[in-house]
Structure formats: structure tokens, C-alpha cells
Amino acid sequence: MSNQIRSKQISDRLVLPNGIVVLVTENPTADIIAARCFFAGGERIETPAKAGLTHLAASLMTRGTEQYSSLKIAEQVESIGASLGTESSSDYFVLSLKTISSDFHDMLLLGSEILRSPSFPDSELALERRLTIQSIRAQQERPFTIAYDRLQHLMYGDHPYGFSSLGTEESINAITRDHLIEFHQHQFRPDQMVVSIAGKILPKQAIALVEEAFGDWRSPSQPTVISTSTPQFQPLLVTHEQDTQQAIVVIGYPAPAVSSPDYAALKIVSTYLGNGLSSRLFVELREKRGLAYEVSAFYPTRLETSQFVAYIGTASQNTGTALEGLRYECERLANVSLTEEELKICKSKLLGQYALGKQTNGQIAQVYGWYEVMGLSLEFDRQFVEAISAVTQADVQNAAQKYFGTPAISVVGSAEALKQVS
């Protein structure tokens, strides 16, 4: 293990006999321990018929186990002032917990019970189904969500990255308790698990607690199969009419996975175009031209084909001009290099934010566990910093030339707004 990684306090990495990867970062600064229990897979294993299954499972994991009711779980967590929750992401599922050191043992055992023996009670499923459908309907009234969801279909087709994380009313209504049990049996297994712990605890002690909580867990005999369709990008324009004074314009370009050698250059581009009030899109389209209520860009880190997305909220009468400006600012980078000063500022901003994202025990546990579950290894911490530092002006321009071709475009707005882009 490199000296740089050791300087960041990573104390130990161990693979248990049942396949669980345990990461321990000793940080005695405060009497707090945070843990993250990751499982590979996430929403990218879903099918159209079961879209939203991972999110629904995450919502229900803490609603009852073989030993504890939902109320009992809540009481156990809240009585000691701890925190515990579950969530799903595009590429993984994670249970998060945080507590003072003296209560960590009990909380980890509770986390083990939740992960290994969820009961998915029918009454809780019925409630969560109603709440999820309410959220789906609420999102269908939000212009940005409508525009972004339609863009995702153009970006990915039937690939799970293109599904709404909540699913659809049809898919949520069709998911049964048996589906949840089957999902848990196939996807929650020790050979797909990473436990990342950070806080006031010795590595030897942390590993012993993980072995106590999860060491006797055995994986199913059949191997895990994560098979998804190939993204089918369609560089088309889709529109949705909504009676609103503000139009939402979203454009998307296919972008590479985190393993790509172009990843660092595109992170620089994302920072340059859309990171903060000094970003190019904000300054040019909002401050100078007055076209934007809001404007930004983002490039998600993903295991498979990602996307580079830029968006703008604008007055209806400016919709066509805003779309042209958004495309111009992205695609100009294929012909116009960043200045040395612009590149320097982007690197400083990006690496500064990266460092600030690893301050608390929860952040440390999250980041290092995320490296592992994404298959990046702990070396990524050093490699990312080195890769960003090494990006040149030519790298940025080459990446723009390679990826910023014809985008998929999604526009939501009034009839007046849509006439300008049709």
C-alpha cells in the first residue's frame, strides 16, 4: 500500500473467507464511528418490468426483519441518537450507520439483521407502494424531471440507466413481496459486499466486529449475474408541452465510464462548464446574456456508459436562443482550448472539493467503500488526483472533440417555447 494512501489514514483492507471486503480507516479525532455496507449491482440490474425495485427494496429494508418490527428498529436507533439508513444508486446499494464508539457493536449487529433478514411486511409494502406512486405523480408535474426523464430514454433506450429510480406506476404496482424476497436472495450476498468503517476504532477490533456480524453468512451456490442491455443513444429532439412561463432545456452527450482514460479530462470540462457561480455556463448564459434562471452541467461517475448533461431554465421567449447557447458553450471546446489559467483554476476547484469531501468519518467511509464496490481499488484515491493534475489543454480539447457531437435534446415548456425548437 502506497505511502500516500497511508497518509490518508487507511489502516487495513481484508477479505473475509466468505468474500466480504473490509476496509478500516482509524480516525481517533472524535468519538464517532461511521460504517457503510455496500453491495454491487444497484439499479443497473433492473428490467423495465421491475423498474424501481431497488429503490423500493431500500425503502423497505428498515421496515421490519425476522426479529424486529419497524417500530423496534426505529426505537433502537433513536434511543441512542444514532443514524441508520439505506439507499440505492445506479451501481450499488448501501446501508449507512453512524454512532458513538460505545454503541457501534450494537448498531452493526442491527445493520446485519436488516441486511440479512428483512421481512418485507405486506403492510409496509402497501404503504411504501402508495408513497412511491405519489412521488412518481409529483415528479410528473416538475418540468425538469419530465425533461430529464425523457432525455434518459434517448440516452440509454432500454438500459437500466435510462429508467427513473422510482420506477413507473405500472412497475411499482406489479412488484410483490415475492419479488422483493427473490431480489434480496440474489443480490444481497457476502461475495458482493464491502464494509467500510471509519472512526475511533482499531482495525483489529473493527474486523472482529464485522466477522461477528457477517462472518457466518454464506453466499448462494449460483454466481451473481449482472447482465444489462447495451445503451442505445438516439441524438433526437423530444418535447413536452406544459403551461409554464419557464422552459427547461436539457441536452445530453454519451460519455465514458469511470475506467476510461478520458474520465479526468471530462471531469475538468464538467467543472469548467457547470461547477458554481464562476462556471462558464453561469457567467456566459446567465450573467452576461440574461438567458438563464438556472444553468449547469454534470458528468456522473458510472461503471458503464455515462452521460454529459447540460441544462438551462429560461423564459419561454428565449427557448431557442438558450438551446443554441447551451450547445455552443459545450461544443466550442472542440475548437477553442482552455487557457492555462482556466485549466489551473478548474484543477484547483475540483481537487479542493474532492479533498473537502473526505473530512468526516461518514465521508471517509463512503468514499473508500465506493472505490471498492466500483472495482476501482483504494489506489484510485491517488490515481484520481494524479490524473486530474496531469490533464492538459490538449486533453480537454480532444475529449470535447470525441464526445461533444450531436446531442440528445429534451425541452419542456409552453407552446410558444416549443415552436422555437421544433
Protein backbone atom coordinates (compact mmCIF):
# COMPACT_ATOMS: atom_id res chain seq x y z
CA MET A 1 0.00 0.00 0.00
CA SER A 2 1.43 3.36 -1.02
CA ASN A 3 2.70 5.95 1.44
CA GLN A 4 0.20 8.46 0.08
CA ILE A 5 -2.70 6.19 0.89
CA ARG A 6 -1.31 5.52 4.34
CA SER A 7 -1.07 9.26 4.94
CA LYS A 8 -4.81 9.43 4.35
CA GLN A 9 -5.28 7.05 7.30
CA ILE A 10 -6.42 3.91 5.50
CA SER A 11 -5.35 1.36 8.07
CA ASP A 12 -6.37 -2.02 6.74
CA ARG A 13 -8.06 -3.95 3.94
CA LEU A 14 -9.04 -7.56 4.50
CA VAL A 15 -11.13 -10.07 2.58
CA LEU A 16 -13.04 -12.42 4.86
CA PRO A 17 -13.37 -16.13 3.95
CA ASN A 18 -16.94 -15.56 2.72
CA GLY A 19 -15.81 -12.83 0.33
CA ILE A 20 -16.68 -9.66 2.27
CA VAL A 21 -14.13 -6.88 1.76
CA VAL A 22 -13.50 -4.95 4.99
CA LEU A 23 -11.89 -1.51 4.93
CA VAL A 24 -10.93 0.23 8.15
CA THR A 25 -9.79 3.84 8.49
CA GLU A 26 -8.73 4.65 12.02
CA ASN A 27 -9.57 8.26 12.85
CA PRO A 28 -9.49 8.94 16.60
CA THR A 29 -10.23 12.66 16.29
CA ALA A 30 -13.81 12.29 17.54
CA ASP A 31 -15.61 9.54 19.45
CA ILE A 32 -17.68 8.64 16.39
CA ILE A 33 -17.71 5.61 14.12
CA ALA A 34 -19.34 5.56 10.70
CA ALA A 35 -19.85 2.48 8.55
CA ARG A 36 -21.05 1.84 5.01
CA CYS A 37 -22.18 -1.58 3.84
CA PHE A 38 -22.13 -1.64 0.04
CA PHE A 39 -23.48 -4.23 -2.38
CA ALA A 40 -22.56 -4.25 -6.05
CA GLY A 41 -25.32 -4.02 -8.62
CA GLY A 42 -27.72 -1.23 -7.81
CA GLU A 43 -30.32 0.00 -10.24
CA ARG A 44 -28.38 -1.14 -13.30
CA ILE A 45 -29.59 -4.72 -12.79
CA GLU A 46 -33.27 -3.79 -13.18
CA THR A 47 -35.58 -4.62 -16.08
CA PRO A 48 -38.32 -2.36 -17.48
CA ALA A 49 -40.98 -4.54 -15.85
CA LYS A 50 -39.34 -4.16 -12.44
CA ALA A 51 -38.05 -0.60 -12.65
CA GLY A 52 -37.91 0.88 -9.17
CA LEU A 53 -37.36 -2.49 -7.47
CA THR A 54 -34.03 -1.47 -5.94
CA HIS A 55 -35.40 1.80 -4.60
CA LEU A 56 -38.46 0.02 -3.18
CA ALA A 57 -36.27 -2.60 -1.51
CA ALA A 58 -34.07 0.14 0.00
CA SER A 59 -37.15 1.87 1.40
CA LEU A 60 -38.41 -1.35 2.98
CA MET A 61 -35.21 -2.83 4.39
CA THR A 62 -35.56 -0.92 7.66
CA ARG A 63 -39.32 -1.59 7.97
CA GLY A 64 -39.02 -4.98 9.61
CA THR A 65 -36.84 -8.06 9.96
CA GLU A 66 -37.27 -11.57 11.28
CA GLN A 67 -36.51 -10.29 14.80
CA TYR A 68 -37.62 -6.65 14.82
CA SER A 69 -40.61 -4.63 13.76
CA SER A 70 -40.25 -1.26 12.07
CA LEU A 71 -41.03 0.45 15.38
CA LYS A 72 -38.47 -1.62 17.27
CA ILE A 73 -35.77 -0.74 14.73
CA ALA A 74 -36.58 2.96 14.98
CA GLU A 75 -36.58 2.88 18.77
CA GLN A 76 -33.23 1.09 18.90
CA VAL A 77 -31.61 3.65 16.62
CA GLU A 78 -33.19 6.78 18.06
CA SER A 79 -32.76 5.83 21.73
CA ILE A 80 -29.00 6.22 21.41
CA GLY A 81 -29.01 9.15 18.99
CA ALA A 82 -27.55 7.09 16.16
CA SER A 83 -28.39 7.24 12.47
CA LEU A 84 -29.11 4.36 10.11
CA GLY A 85 -30.47 4.33 6.59
CA THR A 86 -30.47 2.55 3.25
CA GLU A 87 -30.39 3.85 -0.29
CA SER A 88 -29.92 2.69 -3.84
CA SER A 89 -27.77 4.15 -6.59
CA SER A 90 -27.10 3.45 -10.25
CA ASP A 91 -24.31 0.96 -9.49
CA TYR A 92 -24.73 -0.09 -5.86
CA PHE A 93 -26.90 -0.39 -2.76
CA VAL A 94 -25.66 0.92 0.60
CA LEU A 95 -26.63 0.78 4.27
CA SER A 96 -25.18 3.70 6.25
CA LEU A 97 -24.83 3.99 10.00
CA LYS A 98 -23.18 6.35 12.45
CA THR A 99 -22.93 6.23 16.21
CA ILE A 100 -20.66 6.87 19.15
CA SER A 101 -17.95 4.28 19.65
CA SER A 102 -19.56 2.53 22.63
CA ASP A 103 -22.73 1.78 20.65
CA PHE A 104 -21.10 0.70 17.40
CA HIS A 105 -21.19 -3.01 18.21
CA ASP A 106 -24.96 -3.00 18.77
CA MET A 107 -25.62 -0.86 15.71
CA LEU A 108 -23.52 -3.08 13.46
CA LEU A 109 -25.44 -6.13 14.67
CA LEU A 110 -28.69 -4.31 13.93
CA GLY A 111 -27.37 -3.45 10.47
CA SER A 112 -26.53 -7.12 9.94
CA GLU A 113 -30.05 -8.15 10.90
CA ILE A 114 -31.52 -5.62 8.47
CA LEU A 115 -29.29 -6.68 5.59
CA ARG A 116 -29.52 -10.42 6.13
CA SER A 117 -33.11 -10.93 7.30
CA PRO A 118 -35.51 -8.27 6.01
CA SER A 119 -39.11 -9.44 6.23
CA PHE A 120 -40.69 -7.00 3.73
CA PRO A 121 -44.03 -6.95 5.61
CA ASP A 122 -47.08 -6.73 3.33
CA SER A 123 -48.48 -3.80 5.29
CA GLU A 124 -45.25 -1.82 4.90
CA LEU A 125 -45.05 -2.75 1.21
CA ALA A 126 -48.57 -1.45 0.62
CA LEU A 127 -47.72 1.82 2.36
CA GLU A 128 -44.42 2.27 0.56
CA ARG A 129 -46.06 1.47 -2.78
CA ARG A 130 -48.58 4.26 -2.22
CA LEU A 131 -45.87 6.71 -1.17
CA THR A 132 -43.72 5.83 -4.18
CA ILE A 133 -46.60 6.28 -6.59
CA GLN A 134 -47.37 9.65 -5.01
CA SER A 135 -43.74 10.64 -5.59
CA ILE A 136 -43.88 9.44 -9.19
CA ARG A 137 -47.01 11.51 -9.82
CA ALA A 138 -45.49 14.54 -8.13
CA GLN A 139 -42.37 14.28 -10.29
CA GLN A 140 -44.52 14.13 -13.41
CA GLU A 141 -45.56 17.71 -12.64
CA ARG A 142 -42.00 19.02 -12.39
CA PRO A 143 -40.66 20.41 -15.67
CA PHE A 144 -37.02 19.47 -15.05
CA THR A 145 -37.88 15.89 -14.06
CA ILE A 146 -40.06 15.48 -17.15
CA ALA A 147 -37.32 16.84 -19.40
CA TYR A 148 -34.58 14.77 -17.78
CA ASP A 149 -36.56 11.51 -17.79
CA ARG A 150 -37.30 11.93 -21.49
CA LEU A 151 -33.66 12.67 -22.15
CA GLN A 152 -32.65 9.45 -20.36
CA HIS A 153 -34.73 7.40 -22.76
CA LEU A 154 -32.88 8.99 -25.67
CA MET A 155 -29.53 8.44 -23.95
CA TYR A 156 -29.98 4.81 -22.94
CA GLY A 157 -33.03 3.19 -24.53
CA ASP A 158 -33.84 0.05 -22.52
CA HIS A 159 -30.63 0.12 -20.48
CA PRO A 160 -31.44 0.49 -16.73
CA TYR A 161 -29.51 3.77 -16.53
CA GLY A 162 -32.38 5.21 -18.52
CA PHE A 163 -35.07 4.21 -16.02
CA SER A 164 -36.40 6.50 -13.34
CA SER A 165 -35.02 5.36 -9.98
CA LEU A 166 -38.58 5.38 -8.63
CA GLY A 167 -39.86 3.22 -11.47
CA THR A 168 -43.28 3.71 -13.03
CA GLU A 169 -46.76 3.32 -11.58
CA GLU A 170 -47.14 0.11 -13.57
CA SER A 171 -43.86 -1.41 -12.43
CA ILE A 172 -44.36 -0.45 -8.77
CA ASN A 173 -47.89 -1.85 -8.71
CA ALA A 174 -46.60 -5.09 -10.21
CA ILE A 175 -43.80 -5.65 -7.65
CA THR A 176 -44.83 -8.14 -4.97
CA ARG A 177 -43.31 -9.29 -1.72
CA ASP A 178 -42.08 -12.42 -3.52
CA HIS A 179 -40.20 -10.23 -5.99
CA LEU A 180 -38.52 -8.41 -3.11
CA ILE A 181 -37.55 -11.65 -1.38
CA GLU A 182 -36.12 -13.04 -4.62
CA PHE A 183 -34.23 -9.80 -5.24
CA HIS A 184 -32.75 -9.92 -1.75
CA GLN A 185 -31.71 -13.55 -2.07
CA HIS A 186 -29.88 -12.95 -5.34
CA GLN A 187 -28.32 -9.54 -4.78
CA PHE A 188 -27.54 -9.38 -1.07
CA ARG A 189 -24.69 -11.81 -0.58
CA PRO A 190 -21.30 -11.58 1.13
CA ASP A 191 -19.23 -12.06 -2.03
CA GLN A 192 -20.76 -8.84 -3.38
CA MET A 193 -20.33 -6.87 -0.15
CA VAL A 194 -17.93 -4.17 1.01
CA VAL A 195 -17.89 -2.93 4.62
CA SER A 196 -16.10 0.39 5.05
CA ILE A 197 -15.56 1.68 8.60
CA ALA A 198 -14.05 4.98 9.69
CA GLY A 199 -13.67 6.40 13.18
CA LYS A 200 -12.30 5.83 16.64
CA ILE A 201 -11.68 2.11 16.37
CA LEU A 202 -8.65 -0.12 15.95
CA PRO A 203 -8.53 -2.14 12.71
CA LYS A 204 -8.26 -5.42 14.60
CA GLN A 205 -11.33 -4.57 16.65
CA ALA A 206 -13.34 -3.44 13.62
CA ILE A 207 -12.56 -6.60 11.67
CA ALA A 208 -13.54 -8.76 14.65
CA LEU A 209 -16.92 -6.97 14.87
CA VAL A 210 -17.55 -7.46 11.15
CA GLU A 211 -16.70 -11.14 11.47
CA GLU A 212 -19.12 -11.44 14.38
CA ALA A 213 -21.92 -9.73 12.46
CA PHE A 214 -21.37 -11.20 8.99
CA GLY A 215 -18.72 -13.93 9.19
CA ASP A 216 -21.17 -16.87 9.16
CA TRP A 217 -23.10 -15.51 6.17
CA ARG A 218 -22.74 -17.78 3.16
CA SER A 219 -23.26 -16.89 -0.49
CA PRO A 220 -25.78 -18.81 -2.63
CA SER A 221 -24.24 -21.55 -4.75
CA GLN A 222 -25.17 -19.86 -8.02
CA PRO A 223 -22.91 -16.99 -9.14
CA THR A 224 -24.20 -13.45 -9.39
CA VAL A 225 -25.10 -12.45 -12.92
CA ILE A 226 -25.29 -8.75 -13.71
CA SER A 227 -26.36 -8.58 -17.33
CA THR A 228 -27.72 -5.39 -18.82
CA SER A 229 -28.57 -4.25 -22.30
CA THR A 230 -26.31 -2.02 -24.37
CA PRO A 231 -27.26 1.68 -24.27
CA GLN A 232 -28.95 2.80 -27.48
CA PHE A 233 -28.22 6.50 -27.93
CA GLN A 234 -30.62 8.48 -30.09
CA PRO A 235 -29.48 12.04 -30.97
CA LEU A 236 -33.04 13.28 -31.32
CA LEU A 237 -35.20 16.13 -30.01
CA VAL A 238 -38.19 15.38 -27.76
CA THR A 239 -40.61 17.98 -26.44
CA HIS A 240 -43.35 18.10 -23.84
CA GLU A 241 -45.88 20.91 -23.68
CA GLN A 242 -46.59 22.31 -20.24
CA ASP A 243 -48.31 25.58 -19.46
CA THR A 244 -45.47 27.33 -17.67
CA GLN A 245 -43.61 30.61 -18.06
CA GLN A 246 -40.23 28.90 -17.75
CA ALA A 247 -38.92 26.43 -20.30
CA ILE A 248 -36.46 23.69 -19.39
CA VAL A 249 -33.87 22.69 -21.99
CA VAL A 250 -31.65 19.64 -21.34
CA ILE A 251 -29.01 18.30 -23.69
CA GLY A 252 -27.00 15.10 -23.30
CA TYR A 253 -23.91 13.58 -24.91
CA PRO A 254 -22.79 9.96 -24.37
CA ALA A 255 -19.73 9.97 -22.13
CA PRO A 256 -17.34 7.25 -20.96
CA ALA A 257 -17.34 5.14 -17.82
CA VAL A 258 -15.06 5.86 -14.87
CA SER A 259 -12.48 3.40 -16.24
CA SER A 260 -11.90 5.49 -19.39
CA PRO A 261 -8.63 7.39 -19.88
CA ASP A 262 -10.83 10.37 -20.84
CA TYR A 263 -12.58 10.40 -17.46
CA ALA A 264 -10.31 13.02 -15.85
CA ALA A 265 -10.48 15.40 -18.82
CA LEU A 266 -14.28 15.30 -18.83
CA LYS A 267 -14.35 15.95 -15.09
CA ILE A 268 -12.35 19.09 -15.84
CA VAL A 269 -14.86 20.02 -18.56
CA SER A 270 -17.76 19.48 -16.16
CA THR A 271 -16.08 21.72 -13.60
CA TYR A 272 -15.34 24.39 -16.19
CA LEU A 273 -18.86 24.46 -17.63
CA GLY A 274 -21.12 23.84 -14.69
CA ASN A 275 -19.45 23.96 -11.28
CA GLY A 276 -20.57 27.03 -9.34
CA LEU A 277 -21.26 30.71 -9.90
CA SER A 278 -17.95 31.20 -11.72
CA SER A 279 -18.59 28.42 -14.24
CA ARG A 280 -18.64 29.19 -17.95
CA LEU A 281 -22.35 28.41 -18.42
CA PHE A 282 -23.38 30.56 -15.46
CA VAL A 283 -21.25 33.53 -16.47
CA GLU A 284 -21.98 33.47 -20.19
CA LEU A 285 -25.65 32.46 -20.29
CA ARG A 286 -26.95 33.96 -17.05
CA GLU A 287 -24.73 36.86 -16.07
CA LYS A 288 -23.78 38.21 -19.50
CA ARG A 289 -26.78 37.28 -21.65
CA GLY A 290 -29.56 37.05 -19.09
CA LEU A 291 -30.90 33.83 -20.60
CA ALA A 292 -30.96 31.60 -17.53
CA TYR A 293 -32.92 31.30 -14.32
CA GLU A 294 -30.68 28.32 -13.63
CA VAL A 295 -27.97 26.66 -15.68
CA SER A 296 -25.40 23.95 -15.03
CA ALA A 297 -23.76 20.75 -16.29
CA PHE A 298 -22.84 17.41 -14.77
CA TYR A 299 -20.97 14.21 -15.63
CA PRO A 300 -21.93 11.27 -13.34
CA THR A 301 -19.33 8.67 -12.40
CA ARG A 302 -20.62 5.29 -13.58
CA LEU A 303 -19.39 1.77 -14.20
CA GLU A 304 -20.90 1.67 -17.66
CA THR A 305 -21.52 4.31 -20.32
CA SER A 306 -22.19 7.62 -18.60
CA GLN A 307 -23.51 10.92 -19.92
CA PHE A 308 -22.53 14.57 -20.06
CA VAL A 309 -25.61 16.69 -19.40
CA ALA A 310 -26.11 20.45 -19.58
CA TYR A 311 -29.38 22.18 -18.77
CA ILE A 312 -30.93 25.61 -18.59
CA GLY A 313 -34.16 27.07 -17.26
CA THR A 314 -35.15 30.08 -19.35
CA ALA A 315 -38.06 32.37 -20.20
CA SER A 316 -40.35 30.91 -22.86
CA GLN A 317 -39.48 33.60 -25.40
CA ASN A 318 -35.77 32.73 -25.07
CA THR A 319 -36.03 28.96 -25.52
CA GLY A 320 -34.50 28.73 -28.98
CA THR A 321 -31.68 31.11 -28.12
CA ALA A 322 -31.00 29.29 -24.85
CA LEU A 323 -30.71 25.94 -26.64
CA GLU A 324 -28.31 27.40 -29.17
CA GLY A 325 -26.23 28.96 -26.39
CA LEU A 326 -26.12 25.75 -24.37
CA ARG A 327 -24.91 23.72 -27.34
CA TYR A 328 -22.44 26.39 -28.38
CA GLU A 329 -20.77 26.59 -24.98
CA CYS A 330 -20.31 22.81 -24.83
CA GLU A 331 -19.27 22.23 -28.43
CA ARG A 332 -16.97 25.26 -28.72
CA LEU A 333 -14.48 23.36 -26.56
CA ALA A 334 -13.78 21.11 -29.53
CA ASN A 335 -12.29 24.12 -31.33
CA VAL A 336 -11.22 26.51 -28.57
CA SER A 337 -8.73 25.43 -25.92
CA LEU A 338 -8.99 26.39 -22.29
CA THR A 339 -6.38 28.90 -21.31
CA GLU A 340 -3.64 27.81 -18.94
CA GLU A 341 -5.24 29.91 -16.22
CA GLU A 342 -8.70 28.42 -16.80
CA LEU A 343 -7.28 24.91 -16.62
CA LYS A 344 -5.36 25.73 -13.45
CA ILE A 345 -8.48 27.14 -11.77
CA CYS A 346 -10.55 24.09 -12.74
CA LYS A 347 -7.97 21.71 -11.31
CA SER A 348 -7.75 23.64 -8.05
CA LYS A 349 -11.52 23.79 -7.69
CA LEU A 350 -12.03 20.11 -8.49
CA LEU A 351 -9.23 18.80 -6.27
CA GLY A 352 -10.18 21.16 -3.45
CA GLN A 353 -13.77 19.92 -3.46
CA TYR A 354 -12.50 16.34 -3.68
CA ALA A 355 -10.36 16.83 -0.58
CA LEU A 356 -13.20 18.52 1.32
CA GLY A 357 -15.40 15.52 0.55
CA LYS A 358 -13.23 13.30 2.76
CA GLN A 359 -13.33 15.15 6.08
CA THR A 360 -15.91 13.44 8.27
CA ASN A 361 -15.91 9.77 9.21
CA GLY A 362 -19.07 9.29 7.20
CA GLN A 363 -17.48 10.83 4.12
CA ILE A 364 -14.33 8.76 4.53
CA ALA A 365 -16.27 5.51 4.92
CA GLN A 366 -18.40 6.43 1.90
CA VAL A 367 -15.56 7.36 -0.42
CA TYR A 368 -13.29 4.41 0.30
CA GLY A 369 -16.15 1.92 0.23
CA TRP A 370 -17.33 3.43 -3.04
CA TYR A 371 -13.88 2.93 -4.59
CA GLU A 372 -14.01 -0.74 -3.67
CA VAL A 373 -17.57 -1.54 -4.75
CA MET A 374 -16.96 0.21 -8.07
CA GLY A 375 -13.94 -2.01 -8.65
CA LEU A 376 -11.52 0.93 -8.55
CA SER A 377 -9.44 -0.15 -5.53
CA LEU A 378 -8.01 2.17 -2.91
CA GLU A 379 -5.32 3.21 -5.37
CA PHE A 380 -7.96 5.31 -7.13
CA ASP A 381 -7.59 7.92 -4.41
CA ARG A 382 -4.05 8.62 -5.58
CA GLN A 383 -4.70 7.90 -9.24
CA PHE A 384 -7.58 10.38 -9.49
CA VAL A 385 -5.52 13.23 -8.06
CA GLU A 386 -2.62 12.37 -10.36
CA ALA A 387 -4.90 12.06 -13.40
CA ILE A 388 -6.56 15.44 -12.78
CA SER A 389 -3.19 17.09 -12.18
CA ALA A 390 -1.87 15.64 -15.46
CA VAL A 391 -4.74 16.83 -17.69
CA THR A 392 -3.52 19.17 -20.42
CA GLN A 393 -5.25 21.73 -22.61
CA ALA A 394 -4.96 19.28 -25.49
CA ASP A 395 -6.59 16.52 -23.40
CA VAL A 396 -9.61 18.71 -22.76
CA GLN A 397 -9.96 19.67 -26.41
CA ASN A 398 -9.52 16.07 -27.57
CA ALA A 399 -12.23 14.91 -25.15
CA ALA A 400 -14.61 17.60 -26.40
CA GLN A 401 -13.92 16.63 -30.00
CA LYS A 402 -14.50 12.97 -29.17
CA TYR A 403 -17.73 13.23 -27.18
CA PHE A 404 -19.47 16.53 -27.97
CA GLY A 405 -21.07 15.68 -31.28
CA THR A 406 -24.82 15.83 -31.86
CA PRO A 407 -26.64 15.67 -28.51
CA ALA A 408 -29.98 14.28 -27.48
CA ILE A 409 -32.26 17.20 -26.62
CA SER A 410 -35.31 17.39 -24.34
CA VAL A 411 -37.41 20.52 -23.95
CA VAL A 412 -40.39 21.16 -21.67
CA GLY A 413 -42.35 24.38 -21.96
CA SER A 414 -45.30 26.23 -23.37
CA ALA A 415 -46.48 26.00 -26.97
CA GLU A 416 -44.65 29.29 -27.61
CA ALA A 417 -41.41 27.82 -26.29
CA LEU A 418 -41.67 24.57 -28.24
CA LYS A 419 -42.26 26.38 -31.55
CA GLN A 420 -38.76 27.79 -31.26
CA VAL A 421 -37.06 24.39 -31.19
CA SER A 422 -39.33 22.17 -33.31
